[in-house]
C-alpha cells in the first residue's frame, strides 16, 4: 500500500505517556489509514472515508 505523503496524527484525547493510541492519516484521496502508535511497522488498516466517518460517529456518541 502506498503511504507516500501520509500525515499521521494521534487523537487529541491521547496522553503523552506512551499509552494505547492509534495514529490516523486522513489526508490521502479516497482512504483513511490507521496504525498502532507503539508498533508503526506492525501493519496498517485502510478504510474508505464513508466507513471511517461512520465509525467515528458511532465511537463518539455519548
C-alpha atoms as a PDB file:
ATOM      1  CA  UNK A   1       0.000   0.000   0.000  1.00  0.00           C
ATOM      2  CA  UNK A   2       1.430   3.355  -0.988  1.00  0.00           C
ATOM      3  CA  UNK A   3       1.514   5.615   2.055  1.00  0.00           C
ATOM      4  CA  UNK A   4       3.666   8.306   0.452  1.00  0.00           C
ATOM      5  CA  UNK A   5       2.534  11.679   1.721  1.00  0.00           C
ATOM      6  CA  UNK A   6       0.541  10.311   4.659  1.00  0.00           C
ATOM      7  CA  UNK A   7       0.381  12.825   7.513  1.00  0.00           C
ATOM      8  CA  UNK A   8      -0.078  10.850  10.713  1.00  0.00           C
ATOM      9  CA  UNK A   9      -1.733  12.281  13.812  1.00  0.00           C
ATOM     10  CA  UNK A  10      -2.843  10.911  17.155  1.00  0.00           C
ATOM     11  CA  UNK A  11      -6.100  11.557  18.903  1.00  0.00           C
ATOM     12  CA  UNK A  12      -6.416  14.772  20.868  1.00  0.00           C
ATOM     13  CA  UNK A  13      -7.585  12.528  23.729  1.00  0.00           C
ATOM     14  CA  UNK A  14      -4.321  10.580  23.734  1.00  0.00           C
ATOM     15  CA  UNK A  15      -1.874  11.166  26.526  1.00  0.00           C
ATOM     16  CA  UNK A  16       1.845  11.663  26.016  1.00  0.00           C
ATOM     17  CA  UNK A  17       2.830   8.859  28.389  1.00  0.00           C
ATOM     18  CA  UNK A  18       3.164   6.095  25.768  1.00  0.00           C
ATOM     19  CA  UNK A  19      -0.315   4.709  26.348  1.00  0.00           C
ATOM     20  CA  UNK A  20      -2.548   2.837  23.979  1.00  0.00           C
ATOM     21  CA  UNK A  21      -3.021   5.071  20.958  1.00  0.00           C
ATOM     22  CA  UNK A  22      -3.679   4.860  17.277  1.00  0.00           C
ATOM     23  CA  UNK A  23      -2.458   7.177  14.560  1.00  0.00           C
ATOM     24  CA  UNK A  24      -4.666   8.239  11.677  1.00  0.00           C
ATOM     25  CA  UNK A  25      -3.753   9.623   8.261  1.00  0.00           C
ATOM     26  CA  UNK A  26      -6.825  11.068   6.564  1.00  0.00           C
ATOM     27  CA  UNK A  27      -5.158  13.350   4.045  1.00  0.00           C
ATOM     28  CA  UNK A  28      -4.869  10.835   1.187  1.00  0.00           C
ATOM     29  CA  UNK A  29      -7.568  10.732  -1.501  1.00  0.00           C
ATOM     30  CA  UNK A  30     -10.157   8.001  -1.044  1.00  0.00           C
ATOM     31  CA  UNK A  31      -8.693   6.346   2.032  1.00  0.00           C
ATOM     32  CA  UNK A  32      -8.071   6.695   5.741  1.00  0.00           C
ATOM     33  CA  UNK A  33      -5.109   4.835   7.224  1.00  0.00           C
ATOM     34  CA  UNK A  34      -4.889   3.684  10.855  1.00  0.00           C
ATOM     35  CA  UNK A  35      -1.924   2.175  12.708  1.00  0.00           C
ATOM     36  CA  UNK A  36      -0.770   1.425  16.260  1.00  0.00           C
ATOM     37  CA  UNK A  37       1.397   4.258  17.571  1.00  0.00           C
ATOM     38  CA  UNK A  38       3.549   1.800  19.557  1.00  0.00           C
ATOM     39  CA  UNK A  39       4.170  -0.506  16.573  1.00  0.00           C
ATOM     40  CA  UNK A  40       4.199   1.651  13.451  1.00  0.00           C
ATOM     41  CA  UNK A  41       5.620  -1.160  11.315  1.00  0.00           C
ATOM     42  CA  UNK A  42       3.157  -3.737  12.637  1.00  0.00           C
ATOM     43  CA  UNK A  43       0.520  -3.163   9.971  1.00  0.00           C
ATOM     44  CA  UNK A  44      -1.842  -0.521   8.702  1.00  0.00           C
ATOM     45  CA  UNK A  45      -5.599  -0.686   8.357  1.00  0.00           C
ATOM     46  CA  UNK A  46      -7.253   1.038   5.413  1.00  0.00           C
ATOM     47  CA  UNK A  47     -10.804   2.400   5.410  1.00  0.00           C
ATOM     48  CA  UNK A  48     -12.905   4.266   2.908  1.00  0.00           C
ATOM     49  CA  UNK A  49     -13.817   7.795   4.026  1.00  0.00           C
ATOM     50  CA  UNK A  50     -17.520   6.948   4.494  1.00  0.00           C
ATOM     51  CA  UNK A  51     -16.744   3.892   6.624  1.00  0.00           C
ATOM     52  CA  UNK A  52     -14.317   5.915   8.744  1.00  0.00           C
ATOM     53  CA  UNK A  53     -16.849   8.735   9.303  1.00  0.00           C
ATOM     54  CA  UNK A  54     -19.483   6.177  10.327  1.00  0.00           C
ATOM     55  CA  UNK A  55     -17.062   4.526  12.777  1.00  0.00           C
ATOM     56  CA  UNK A  56     -16.009   7.835  14.350  1.00  0.00           C
ATOM     57  CA  UNK A  57     -19.640   8.946  14.568  1.00  0.00           C
ATOM     58  CA  UNK A  58     -20.598   5.799  16.454  1.00  0.00           C
ATOM     59  CA  UNK A  59     -17.486   5.851  18.646  1.00  0.00           C
ATOM     60  CA  UNK A  60     -18.029   9.429  19.782  1.00  0.00           C
ATOM     61  CA  UNK A  61     -21.706   9.145  20.710  1.00  0.00           C
ATOM     62  CA  UNK A  62     -22.397   9.906  24.328  1.00  0.00           C
END
